[in-house]
Every structure is written in C-alpha cells, then in structure tokens.
N, C-alpha and C. Protein backbone atom coordinates (compact mmCIF):
# COMPACT_ATOMS: atom_id res chain seq x y z
N MET A 1 25.04 15.58 5.53
CA MET A 1 23.82 14.85 5.79
C MET A 1 23.27 14.32 4.46
N ALA A 2 22.94 13.04 4.45
CA ALA A 2 22.39 12.42 3.25
C ALA A 2 20.96 12.90 3.03
N PRO A 3 20.57 13.04 1.77
CA PRO A 3 19.20 13.48 1.52
C PRO A 3 18.21 12.41 1.94
N SER A 4 17.06 12.85 2.36
CA SER A 4 16.00 11.94 2.78
C SER A 4 15.54 11.12 1.59
N PRO A 5 15.29 9.80 1.78
CA PRO A 5 14.80 8.98 0.69
C PRO A 5 13.34 9.28 0.35
N PHE A 6 12.71 10.14 1.13
CA PHE A 6 11.32 10.47 0.91
C PHE A 6 11.21 11.90 0.41
N ARG A 7 10.35 12.08 -0.55
CA ARG A 7 10.24 13.41 -1.15
C ARG A 7 9.60 14.38 -0.17
N ARG A 8 9.94 15.62 -0.36
CA ARG A 8 9.42 16.67 0.52
C ARG A 8 7.95 16.92 0.20
N LEU A 9 7.16 16.90 1.22
CA LEU A 9 5.73 17.13 1.09
C LEU A 9 5.45 18.57 1.49
N GLU A 10 4.92 19.33 0.56
CA GLU A 10 4.66 20.73 0.83
C GLU A 10 3.51 20.93 1.81
N HIS A 11 2.48 20.12 1.68
CA HIS A 11 1.32 20.28 2.55
C HIS A 11 0.77 18.90 2.89
N PRO A 12 0.65 18.55 4.18
CA PRO A 12 0.12 17.23 4.54
C PRO A 12 -1.30 16.98 4.02
N GLY A 13 -2.03 18.04 3.77
CA GLY A 13 -3.38 17.88 3.24
C GLY A 13 -3.40 17.18 1.90
N SER A 14 -2.35 17.36 1.10
CA SER A 14 -2.31 16.69 -0.20
C SER A 14 -2.15 15.18 -0.02
N ALA A 15 -1.43 14.75 1.02
CA ALA A 15 -1.30 13.32 1.30
C ALA A 15 -2.64 12.73 1.73
N VAL A 16 -3.36 13.46 2.56
CA VAL A 16 -4.66 13.00 3.03
C VAL A 16 -5.65 12.96 1.87
N PHE A 17 -5.61 13.97 1.01
CA PHE A 17 -6.49 13.99 -0.16
C PHE A 17 -6.22 12.79 -1.06
N ARG A 18 -4.93 12.50 -1.31
CA ARG A 18 -4.59 11.37 -2.16
C ARG A 18 -5.05 10.06 -1.52
N PHE A 19 -4.91 9.95 -0.20
CA PHE A 19 -5.39 8.76 0.50
C PHE A 19 -6.90 8.60 0.32
N LEU A 20 -7.64 9.69 0.53
CA LEU A 20 -9.09 9.61 0.38
C LEU A 20 -9.49 9.26 -1.04
N ALA A 21 -8.75 9.79 -2.01
CA ALA A 21 -9.05 9.47 -3.41
C ALA A 21 -8.78 8.00 -3.71
N LEU A 22 -7.62 7.50 -3.25
CA LEU A 22 -7.24 6.12 -3.56
C LEU A 22 -8.01 5.08 -2.73
N ALA A 23 -8.10 5.30 -1.44
CA ALA A 23 -8.63 4.26 -0.56
C ALA A 23 -10.13 4.37 -0.29
N VAL A 24 -10.73 5.51 -0.61
CA VAL A 24 -12.16 5.67 -0.34
C VAL A 24 -12.94 5.91 -1.64
N ALA A 25 -12.61 6.96 -2.36
CA ALA A 25 -13.39 7.32 -3.55
C ALA A 25 -13.25 6.28 -4.67
N LEU A 26 -12.03 5.85 -4.95
CA LEU A 26 -11.82 4.90 -6.04
C LEU A 26 -12.58 3.58 -5.82
N PRO A 27 -12.58 3.00 -4.62
CA PRO A 27 -13.39 1.79 -4.42
C PRO A 27 -14.89 2.05 -4.39
N LEU A 28 -15.30 3.26 -3.99
CA LEU A 28 -16.73 3.53 -3.93
C LEU A 28 -17.37 3.66 -5.31
N ILE A 29 -16.62 4.13 -6.27
CA ILE A 29 -17.18 4.34 -7.61
C ILE A 29 -17.73 3.03 -8.19
N PRO A 30 -16.94 1.95 -8.25
CA PRO A 30 -17.55 0.70 -8.75
C PRO A 30 -18.63 0.16 -7.82
N GLY A 31 -18.51 0.44 -6.53
CA GLY A 31 -19.54 0.02 -5.59
C GLY A 31 -20.88 0.67 -5.91
N PHE A 32 -20.85 1.97 -6.20
CA PHE A 32 -22.08 2.68 -6.59
C PHE A 32 -22.60 2.20 -7.93
N LEU A 33 -21.69 1.99 -8.89
CA LEU A 33 -22.10 1.64 -10.24
C LEU A 33 -22.59 0.20 -10.38
N PHE A 34 -21.87 -0.74 -9.78
CA PHE A 34 -22.16 -2.15 -10.02
C PHE A 34 -22.94 -2.83 -8.91
N PHE A 35 -22.91 -2.28 -7.72
CA PHE A 35 -23.58 -2.92 -6.58
C PHE A 35 -24.44 -1.93 -5.80
N PRO A 36 -25.33 -1.21 -6.46
CA PRO A 36 -26.11 -0.22 -5.71
C PRO A 36 -27.00 -0.85 -4.64
N ALA A 37 -27.44 -2.07 -4.85
CA ALA A 37 -28.27 -2.73 -3.84
C ALA A 37 -27.44 -3.18 -2.63
N LEU A 38 -26.14 -3.31 -2.83
CA LEU A 38 -25.24 -3.76 -1.76
C LEU A 38 -24.44 -2.61 -1.15
N LEU A 39 -24.91 -1.40 -1.29
CA LEU A 39 -24.14 -0.25 -0.80
C LEU A 39 -23.85 -0.30 0.70
N PRO A 40 -24.79 -0.69 1.56
CA PRO A 40 -24.43 -0.82 2.98
C PRO A 40 -23.32 -1.86 3.22
N GLU A 41 -23.37 -2.95 2.45
CA GLU A 41 -22.35 -3.98 2.57
C GLU A 41 -20.99 -3.46 2.10
N VAL A 42 -21.01 -2.69 1.02
CA VAL A 42 -19.76 -2.10 0.50
C VAL A 42 -19.15 -1.18 1.55
N LEU A 43 -19.96 -0.32 2.16
CA LEU A 43 -19.46 0.61 3.16
C LEU A 43 -18.98 -0.12 4.42
N THR A 44 -19.68 -1.17 4.80
CA THR A 44 -19.26 -1.97 5.95
C THR A 44 -17.91 -2.62 5.68
N PHE A 45 -17.77 -3.20 4.51
CA PHE A 45 -16.52 -3.85 4.12
C PHE A 45 -15.37 -2.84 4.08
N MET A 46 -15.62 -1.68 3.49
CA MET A 46 -14.56 -0.67 3.42
C MET A 46 -14.15 -0.20 4.82
N GLY A 47 -15.11 -0.06 5.71
CA GLY A 47 -14.77 0.30 7.09
C GLY A 47 -13.97 -0.79 7.79
N ALA A 48 -14.29 -2.02 7.48
CA ALA A 48 -13.58 -3.14 8.11
C ALA A 48 -12.12 -3.20 7.66
N THR A 49 -11.82 -2.70 6.47
CA THR A 49 -10.43 -2.76 6.00
C THR A 49 -9.50 -1.94 6.88
N PHE A 50 -10.00 -0.88 7.50
CA PHE A 50 -9.15 -0.05 8.35
C PHE A 50 -8.73 -0.78 9.63
N VAL A 51 -9.57 -1.71 10.08
CA VAL A 51 -9.28 -2.43 11.30
C VAL A 51 -8.66 -3.80 11.01
N LEU A 52 -9.24 -4.52 10.09
CA LEU A 52 -8.83 -5.90 9.84
C LEU A 52 -7.79 -6.03 8.73
N GLU A 53 -7.54 -4.95 8.00
CA GLU A 53 -6.59 -4.93 6.89
C GLU A 53 -6.95 -6.03 5.89
N TYR A 54 -6.00 -6.93 5.53
CA TYR A 54 -6.32 -7.94 4.52
C TYR A 54 -7.31 -8.98 5.05
N GLY A 55 -7.46 -9.07 6.37
CA GLY A 55 -8.45 -9.98 6.96
C GLY A 55 -9.88 -9.56 6.66
N ALA A 56 -10.04 -8.32 6.21
CA ALA A 56 -11.38 -7.85 5.85
C ALA A 56 -11.91 -8.57 4.61
N ALA A 57 -11.07 -9.32 3.94
CA ALA A 57 -11.55 -10.12 2.80
C ALA A 57 -12.66 -11.08 3.27
N ALA A 58 -12.52 -11.62 4.47
CA ALA A 58 -13.55 -12.51 5.01
C ALA A 58 -14.87 -11.76 5.18
N VAL A 59 -14.79 -10.52 5.61
CA VAL A 59 -16.00 -9.71 5.78
C VAL A 59 -16.65 -9.46 4.42
N GLY A 60 -15.84 -9.06 3.44
CA GLY A 60 -16.37 -8.78 2.10
C GLY A 60 -17.01 -9.99 1.46
N ILE A 61 -16.35 -11.12 1.54
CA ILE A 61 -16.91 -12.34 0.97
C ILE A 61 -18.16 -12.75 1.75
N GLY A 62 -18.10 -12.63 3.04
CA GLY A 62 -19.26 -12.98 3.89
C GLY A 62 -20.47 -12.10 3.63
N LEU A 63 -20.21 -10.86 3.22
CA LEU A 63 -21.32 -9.94 2.92
C LEU A 63 -21.87 -10.13 1.50
N GLY A 64 -21.27 -11.05 0.74
CA GLY A 64 -21.77 -11.35 -0.59
C GLY A 64 -21.16 -10.52 -1.71
N LEU A 65 -20.05 -9.85 -1.44
CA LEU A 65 -19.39 -9.07 -2.48
C LEU A 65 -18.53 -9.97 -3.35
N PRO A 66 -18.41 -9.68 -4.64
CA PRO A 66 -17.58 -10.50 -5.52
C PRO A 66 -16.10 -10.45 -5.11
N ALA A 67 -15.41 -11.55 -5.29
CA ALA A 67 -14.00 -11.66 -4.89
C ALA A 67 -13.13 -10.63 -5.60
N ALA A 68 -13.40 -10.38 -6.88
CA ALA A 68 -12.60 -9.40 -7.63
C ALA A 68 -12.74 -8.01 -7.02
N TYR A 69 -13.95 -7.66 -6.62
CA TYR A 69 -14.17 -6.35 -6.00
C TYR A 69 -13.50 -6.28 -4.63
N VAL A 70 -13.57 -7.36 -3.87
CA VAL A 70 -12.92 -7.41 -2.56
C VAL A 70 -11.42 -7.17 -2.72
N LEU A 71 -10.79 -7.84 -3.68
CA LEU A 71 -9.35 -7.65 -3.90
C LEU A 71 -9.03 -6.25 -4.41
N PHE A 72 -9.92 -5.69 -5.21
CA PHE A 72 -9.73 -4.32 -5.70
C PHE A 72 -9.74 -3.32 -4.54
N VAL A 73 -10.71 -3.46 -3.65
CA VAL A 73 -10.80 -2.56 -2.50
C VAL A 73 -9.58 -2.71 -1.61
N LEU A 74 -9.16 -3.94 -1.36
CA LEU A 74 -7.98 -4.17 -0.52
C LEU A 74 -6.73 -3.60 -1.17
N SER A 75 -6.62 -3.71 -2.47
CA SER A 75 -5.48 -3.14 -3.19
C SER A 75 -5.46 -1.62 -3.05
N CYS A 76 -6.60 -1.00 -3.25
CA CYS A 76 -6.70 0.46 -3.12
C CYS A 76 -6.35 0.90 -1.70
N PHE A 77 -6.84 0.16 -0.72
CA PHE A 77 -6.54 0.49 0.67
C PHE A 77 -5.05 0.36 0.95
N GLY A 78 -4.44 -0.74 0.50
CA GLY A 78 -3.02 -0.96 0.74
C GLY A 78 -2.16 0.13 0.15
N VAL A 79 -2.43 0.50 -1.09
CA VAL A 79 -1.67 1.58 -1.74
C VAL A 79 -1.92 2.90 -1.03
N GLY A 80 -3.17 3.19 -0.76
CA GLY A 80 -3.52 4.47 -0.15
C GLY A 80 -2.92 4.67 1.23
N ILE A 81 -3.02 3.68 2.10
CA ILE A 81 -2.52 3.84 3.46
C ILE A 81 -0.99 3.86 3.48
N SER A 82 -0.36 3.07 2.62
CA SER A 82 1.11 3.06 2.57
C SER A 82 1.64 4.41 2.10
N LEU A 83 1.06 4.94 1.04
CA LEU A 83 1.51 6.24 0.53
C LEU A 83 1.24 7.34 1.55
N LEU A 84 0.10 7.28 2.22
CA LEU A 84 -0.21 8.28 3.25
C LEU A 84 0.85 8.27 4.35
N LEU A 85 1.16 7.10 4.85
CA LEU A 85 2.15 7.01 5.92
C LEU A 85 3.53 7.45 5.45
N PHE A 86 3.94 7.02 4.28
CA PHE A 86 5.24 7.46 3.75
C PHE A 86 5.30 8.97 3.61
N ASP A 87 4.24 9.57 3.07
CA ASP A 87 4.23 11.02 2.87
C ASP A 87 4.24 11.78 4.19
N LEU A 88 3.42 11.35 5.14
CA LEU A 88 3.37 12.05 6.42
C LEU A 88 4.67 11.90 7.20
N LEU A 89 5.25 10.73 7.16
CA LEU A 89 6.53 10.52 7.85
C LEU A 89 7.65 11.31 7.17
N GLY A 90 7.62 11.36 5.84
CA GLY A 90 8.61 12.16 5.13
C GLY A 90 8.50 13.63 5.47
N ALA A 91 7.27 14.11 5.56
CA ALA A 91 7.06 15.52 5.94
C ALA A 91 7.56 15.77 7.35
N LEU A 92 7.28 14.84 8.24
CA LEU A 92 7.73 14.96 9.62
C LEU A 92 9.26 14.98 9.69
N GLY A 93 9.90 14.11 8.94
CA GLY A 93 11.36 14.05 8.93
C GLY A 93 11.99 15.29 8.34
N ASN A 94 11.31 15.91 7.40
CA ASN A 94 11.85 17.12 6.79
C ASN A 94 11.66 18.36 7.66
N LEU A 95 10.74 18.31 8.59
CA LEU A 95 10.42 19.47 9.42
C LEU A 95 11.26 19.58 10.69
N SER A 96 11.71 18.45 11.22
CA SER A 96 12.33 18.46 12.52
C SER A 96 13.79 18.02 12.45
N SER A 97 14.68 18.82 13.04
CA SER A 97 16.09 18.45 13.07
C SER A 97 16.33 17.28 14.02
N ARG A 98 15.54 17.18 15.08
CA ARG A 98 15.66 16.04 16.00
C ARG A 98 15.33 14.73 15.29
N ILE A 99 14.29 14.77 14.53
CA ILE A 99 13.89 13.56 13.81
C ILE A 99 14.93 13.22 12.75
N ARG A 100 15.44 14.22 12.05
CA ARG A 100 16.51 13.97 11.06
C ARG A 100 17.71 13.32 11.72
N SER A 101 18.07 13.80 12.89
CA SER A 101 19.20 13.23 13.63
C SER A 101 18.91 11.78 14.01
N PHE A 102 17.70 11.51 14.47
CA PHE A 102 17.30 10.15 14.81
C PHE A 102 17.40 9.24 13.59
N LEU A 103 16.93 9.74 12.45
CA LEU A 103 16.97 8.94 11.22
C LEU A 103 18.40 8.64 10.79
N GLU A 104 19.28 9.62 10.92
CA GLU A 104 20.68 9.40 10.57
C GLU A 104 21.30 8.33 11.46
N LYS A 105 21.04 8.42 12.76
CA LYS A 105 21.58 7.43 13.70
C LYS A 105 21.00 6.04 13.43
N SER A 106 19.71 5.98 13.14
CA SER A 106 19.08 4.69 12.84
C SER A 106 19.66 4.09 11.57
N GLY A 107 19.85 4.92 10.56
CA GLY A 107 20.45 4.45 9.31
C GLY A 107 21.86 3.94 9.51
N GLU A 108 22.63 4.62 10.37
CA GLU A 108 23.98 4.17 10.67
C GLU A 108 23.96 2.82 11.39
N GLN A 109 23.07 2.68 12.37
CA GLN A 109 22.95 1.42 13.11
C GLN A 109 22.58 0.28 12.17
N ALA A 110 21.63 0.54 11.28
CA ALA A 110 21.20 -0.50 10.34
C ALA A 110 22.31 -0.82 9.35
N GLY A 111 23.10 0.18 8.98
CA GLY A 111 24.19 -0.02 8.03
C GLY A 111 25.37 -0.78 8.59
N ARG A 112 25.47 -0.88 9.89
CA ARG A 112 26.60 -1.61 10.51
C ARG A 112 26.53 -3.09 10.23
N SER A 113 25.34 -3.62 10.15
CA SER A 113 25.17 -5.03 9.83
C SER A 113 25.03 -5.18 8.32
N ARG A 114 25.99 -5.86 7.73
CA ARG A 114 25.94 -6.05 6.28
C ARG A 114 24.71 -6.85 5.87
N PHE A 115 24.41 -7.86 6.65
CA PHE A 115 23.25 -8.70 6.35
C PHE A 115 21.97 -7.87 6.42
N PHE A 116 21.81 -7.08 7.48
CA PHE A 116 20.60 -6.28 7.65
C PHE A 116 20.48 -5.20 6.58
N SER A 117 21.60 -4.57 6.25
CA SER A 117 21.53 -3.51 5.24
C SER A 117 21.21 -4.08 3.86
N ARG A 118 21.59 -5.31 3.61
CA ARG A 118 21.33 -5.92 2.31
C ARG A 118 19.97 -6.59 2.25
N TYR A 119 19.61 -7.31 3.32
CA TYR A 119 18.40 -8.14 3.27
C TYR A 119 17.29 -7.69 4.22
N GLY A 120 17.53 -6.70 5.03
CA GLY A 120 16.53 -6.28 6.01
C GLY A 120 15.23 -5.81 5.39
N ILE A 121 15.32 -5.19 4.24
CA ILE A 121 14.12 -4.66 3.59
C ILE A 121 13.13 -5.77 3.25
N TYR A 122 13.64 -6.98 3.03
CA TYR A 122 12.75 -8.10 2.69
C TYR A 122 11.92 -8.54 3.89
N GLY A 123 12.30 -8.10 5.07
CA GLY A 123 11.51 -8.38 6.26
C GLY A 123 10.18 -7.66 6.26
N LEU A 124 10.00 -6.72 5.35
CA LEU A 124 8.72 -6.02 5.26
C LEU A 124 7.59 -6.95 4.82
N VAL A 125 7.92 -7.96 4.03
CA VAL A 125 6.88 -8.88 3.55
C VAL A 125 6.26 -9.67 4.71
N PRO A 126 7.05 -10.37 5.52
CA PRO A 126 6.40 -11.05 6.65
C PRO A 126 5.86 -10.07 7.70
N CYS A 127 6.47 -8.92 7.81
CA CYS A 127 6.00 -7.92 8.78
C CYS A 127 4.58 -7.48 8.46
N VAL A 128 4.28 -7.24 7.20
CA VAL A 128 2.94 -6.79 6.83
C VAL A 128 1.92 -7.90 7.05
N ILE A 129 2.35 -9.15 6.90
CA ILE A 129 1.44 -10.28 7.09
C ILE A 129 1.23 -10.57 8.57
N ILE A 130 2.29 -10.56 9.33
CA ILE A 130 2.22 -10.97 10.74
C ILE A 130 1.82 -9.82 11.66
N ILE A 131 2.39 -8.65 11.43
CA ILE A 131 2.15 -7.54 12.36
C ILE A 131 1.06 -6.61 11.83
N SER A 132 1.38 -5.79 10.82
CA SER A 132 0.38 -4.85 10.33
C SER A 132 0.97 -4.02 9.19
N ILE A 133 0.11 -3.60 8.30
CA ILE A 133 0.55 -2.71 7.23
C ILE A 133 0.88 -1.33 7.81
N TYR A 134 0.31 -1.02 8.96
CA TYR A 134 0.58 0.28 9.58
C TYR A 134 1.99 0.38 10.15
N VAL A 135 2.67 -0.73 10.36
CA VAL A 135 4.01 -0.73 10.94
C VAL A 135 5.09 -0.64 9.87
N CYS A 136 4.82 -1.16 8.69
CA CYS A 136 5.86 -1.28 7.67
C CYS A 136 6.39 0.05 7.12
N PRO A 137 5.55 1.01 6.72
CA PRO A 137 6.12 2.28 6.25
C PRO A 137 6.97 2.99 7.30
N PRO A 138 6.54 3.04 8.58
CA PRO A 138 7.44 3.64 9.56
C PRO A 138 8.76 2.88 9.70
N ALA A 139 8.73 1.56 9.62
CA ALA A 139 9.97 0.79 9.72
C ALA A 139 10.89 1.11 8.54
N ALA A 140 10.34 1.15 7.34
CA ALA A 140 11.14 1.48 6.17
C ALA A 140 11.70 2.90 6.28
N TRP A 141 10.92 3.80 6.83
CA TRP A 141 11.33 5.19 6.99
C TRP A 141 12.47 5.31 7.99
N VAL A 142 12.34 4.61 9.12
CA VAL A 142 13.36 4.68 10.16
C VAL A 142 14.69 4.12 9.66
N PHE A 143 14.65 3.02 8.93
CA PHE A 143 15.88 2.40 8.46
C PHE A 143 16.41 3.03 7.18
N GLY A 144 15.67 3.95 6.59
CA GLY A 144 16.13 4.67 5.41
C GLY A 144 16.13 3.85 4.14
N TRP A 145 15.25 2.86 4.07
CA TRP A 145 15.18 2.02 2.88
C TRP A 145 14.51 2.78 1.75
N ASP A 146 14.82 2.38 0.54
CA ASP A 146 14.27 3.00 -0.66
C ASP A 146 12.74 2.94 -0.64
N ARG A 147 12.13 4.08 -0.87
CA ARG A 147 10.67 4.18 -0.78
C ARG A 147 9.96 3.29 -1.80
N SER A 148 10.40 3.33 -3.04
CA SER A 148 9.72 2.56 -4.09
C SER A 148 9.84 1.06 -3.83
N ARG A 149 11.01 0.63 -3.48
CA ARG A 149 11.24 -0.79 -3.22
C ARG A 149 10.47 -1.23 -1.97
N SER A 150 10.48 -0.39 -0.95
CA SER A 150 9.72 -0.70 0.27
C SER A 150 8.24 -0.81 -0.03
N LEU A 151 7.74 0.13 -0.80
CA LEU A 151 6.32 0.12 -1.16
C LEU A 151 5.97 -1.14 -1.94
N ALA A 152 6.82 -1.53 -2.87
CA ALA A 152 6.57 -2.75 -3.65
C ALA A 152 6.54 -3.99 -2.76
N LEU A 153 7.46 -4.08 -1.81
CA LEU A 153 7.49 -5.24 -0.92
C LEU A 153 6.31 -5.25 0.05
N ILE A 154 5.96 -4.09 0.56
CA ILE A 154 4.81 -4.01 1.46
C ILE A 154 3.54 -4.43 0.74
N LEU A 155 3.34 -3.89 -0.45
CA LEU A 155 2.13 -4.22 -1.20
C LEU A 155 2.14 -5.66 -1.67
N GLY A 156 3.32 -6.18 -2.02
CA GLY A 156 3.40 -7.58 -2.41
C GLY A 156 2.98 -8.51 -1.28
N GLY A 157 3.46 -8.25 -0.09
CA GLY A 157 3.07 -9.06 1.07
C GLY A 157 1.60 -8.90 1.40
N PHE A 158 1.12 -7.65 1.37
CA PHE A 158 -0.27 -7.36 1.71
C PHE A 158 -1.22 -8.03 0.72
N LEU A 159 -0.93 -7.89 -0.57
CA LEU A 159 -1.83 -8.45 -1.58
C LEU A 159 -1.75 -9.98 -1.63
N SER A 160 -0.58 -10.53 -1.36
CA SER A 160 -0.48 -12.00 -1.28
C SER A 160 -1.36 -12.53 -0.16
N ALA A 161 -1.29 -11.89 0.99
CA ALA A 161 -2.12 -12.30 2.12
C ALA A 161 -3.60 -12.11 1.80
N ALA A 162 -3.93 -11.03 1.09
CA ALA A 162 -5.32 -10.76 0.72
C ALA A 162 -5.85 -11.84 -0.23
N VAL A 163 -5.03 -12.24 -1.20
CA VAL A 163 -5.45 -13.28 -2.14
C VAL A 163 -5.65 -14.61 -1.42
N VAL A 164 -4.73 -14.99 -0.57
CA VAL A 164 -4.86 -16.25 0.16
C VAL A 164 -6.09 -16.22 1.06
N THR A 165 -6.31 -15.11 1.74
CA THR A 165 -7.49 -15.00 2.61
C THR A 165 -8.77 -15.07 1.80
N THR A 166 -8.81 -14.40 0.66
CA THR A 166 -9.99 -14.44 -0.20
C THR A 166 -10.25 -15.85 -0.72
N LEU A 167 -9.21 -16.52 -1.17
CA LEU A 167 -9.38 -17.90 -1.66
C LEU A 167 -9.84 -18.82 -0.54
N ALA A 168 -9.31 -18.63 0.65
CA ALA A 168 -9.73 -19.45 1.78
C ALA A 168 -11.21 -19.22 2.10
N CYS A 169 -11.64 -17.97 2.00
CA CYS A 169 -13.05 -17.66 2.27
C CYS A 169 -13.97 -18.24 1.20
N LEU A 170 -13.46 -18.34 0.00
CA LEU A 170 -14.26 -18.92 -1.08
C LEU A 170 -14.29 -20.44 -1.02
N GLY A 171 -13.45 -21.02 -0.18
CA GLY A 171 -13.42 -22.47 -0.04
C GLY A 171 -12.59 -23.16 -1.09
N ILE A 172 -11.75 -22.43 -1.79
CA ILE A 172 -10.97 -23.01 -2.89
C ILE A 172 -9.98 -24.06 -2.39
N PHE A 173 -9.55 -23.95 -1.15
CA PHE A 173 -8.56 -24.89 -0.65
C PHE A 173 -9.16 -26.26 -0.37
N HIS A 174 -10.49 -26.35 -0.30
CA HIS A 174 -11.13 -27.65 -0.11
C HIS A 174 -10.95 -28.54 -1.34
N ILE A 175 -10.70 -27.93 -2.48
CA ILE A 175 -10.44 -28.72 -3.69
C ILE A 175 -9.13 -29.48 -3.55
N PHE A 176 -8.12 -28.82 -2.99
CA PHE A 176 -6.80 -29.42 -2.86
C PHE A 176 -6.61 -30.19 -1.56
N PHE A 177 -7.28 -29.74 -0.52
CA PHE A 177 -7.15 -30.37 0.80
C PHE A 177 -8.54 -30.67 1.35
N PRO A 178 -9.18 -31.71 0.81
CA PRO A 178 -10.56 -32.00 1.26
C PRO A 178 -10.59 -32.46 2.72
N LEU A 179 -11.62 -32.00 3.40
CA LEU A 179 -11.84 -32.42 4.78
C LEU A 179 -12.66 -33.71 4.75
N ARG A 180 -12.25 -34.69 5.52
CA ARG A 180 -12.96 -35.97 5.50
C ARG A 180 -13.69 -36.19 6.77
C-alpha cells in the first residue's frame, strides 16, 4: 500500500484550531486595529465568506471595507479552509481501512488515464471558480494528488477569482470597457 499523500493528524482539534487562527483570528486582528468603527461590517463580511467564498468580495466592498483588507480576509479564509479540509480528510483516511481501500481504487482509476494523471490536477483551478473551494480538497484527496501542489492550484484559482471580483466591484473594468 502506498503511503498517504497527506500527513497523519494526531488530533482533529489541532486542524480546527489552525483554521480558527488562520481564517478567523488573523483577519480580525487588523479589523480591530485599523477599522474599529467598522467592526460590525468586518464581522458581517467574514461571515459572508463562509457562504459566498470569493463572491464575498462584493459584500466587503459594498460595506465600505478597503480592497486590500477584503483580499487579505479572502486569502486567510482560502488557506484556512483548504488546510482544514486536507487535514480532516487525511485523518479520516488514516483511521479507516475502508476509506484507504477506496482511495487506493480511486488512485488506480485516475492513474489509468495518462492524460488525467498528468493534467487532472489542473482542473482544480476552474473547479474552485465554478463549483466551490469546499469541493477541491476532497477531489485532490480522492485522486491522491500531491497536497502542496493541489493547495497551490486551489489557492491560485480562488485568489484569482477574488481579485477579479474585487476589481469588478471597484468598477475598474469601466476604464477598459466603458458602458455607453
């Protein structure tokens, strides 16, 4: 049996703690320090990220938060939720022989197609944009793709979409494509 591409997690609580530190505490610190008058808006925006993902940029900009802060919060959320899902799925795969068997069979199925085994991981970029960031870590886990590379592609797609959404909300595209 091939070793799992995901590291063994001793306690799922450590994954949850890291998620809370990255996706909640880290964005709240600058919110408290630099925008104390906008604290309800900051909390509303952070809550919207869980539902709207990168689309929450529209909420943040609409609430009057600076674009740099909006992108910072979205970045923290993307990293935090991806790592949480990878860690929890890795722990689940390490605990159950049924799940390990499923992963081995899935990896074999994916490996049968040379094209899919070579280029399938790049499908994470459009997947995060079109479907959801919540789907990509489980997909990478099921197909046995490299965790670091998968994380980089997921975050690249997520942050690209976040930047485009933020720029659209700021009206920057009207400079290049004026409405007449």
